[in-house]
Amino acid sequence: MKKEILSNVKDGEVFSVAGIEFIKFFDEDGKTVAVAKNSLGDYRFGRNNNFAESKIKEMLEKEVLPKIEAEIGVENIVEHEVDLLSLDGSDKWGKVNCKISLPTFDFYRKHVKIFDKHKLNDWWWLATPESTSDHSNDSWISCVSPSGSLGDGGSDCDLGVRPFLIFVSFISVSCEE
């Protein structure tokens, strides 16, 4: 592994931070958007499909984020807004600010070609609910299959977790030589 400034890593390439491999999606205004290449494991979403209240969000913030911050510094991870608009248009869950989250349905759809390039081989969660209790139910969440197609899973299912982060682009990261 060699060290590289994150802004020099090409879009779609893989870099590592805190032992986690990330796929770089793009740089914008000195910030780099990335999603974990491999799932951190299978986790139950939570009691409902609201990412802001989910067990996954809690796990990411308490277990994963501190390891990343310890390696690159708290100041090098950018807080971002996650829009929890459901697939059927309900905005009941609103938006939540996070330093670490899951990708949304809209992000996945916009960047599916980069995801496809990496042949991700398991089912994994998105932050986007299918609906909310004001429309039909609050238990179904968008997820991605090994083939890359979209599906939904119940909040009581265990699926893969791929963290979404925005890094400051000038940090040093590990890359394959």
Foldseek 3Di string as FASTA:
>chain_A
DDKDQQQPDDQLAWFDALRFIWGWHDDDPQKTKIKTLAFPFWDQFDPFLQNVPTPVQVCCVPPPVVSRCVGFNPVFWDKDKDQQQALVGDRVSGIDIDSKGFAAPVVCVVRVVSSVVSQHAWKEFHSYANDDPVPPHGFWGWIAGSNGDIDIDGSRGITTGMMITMGRRRTMTGHDD
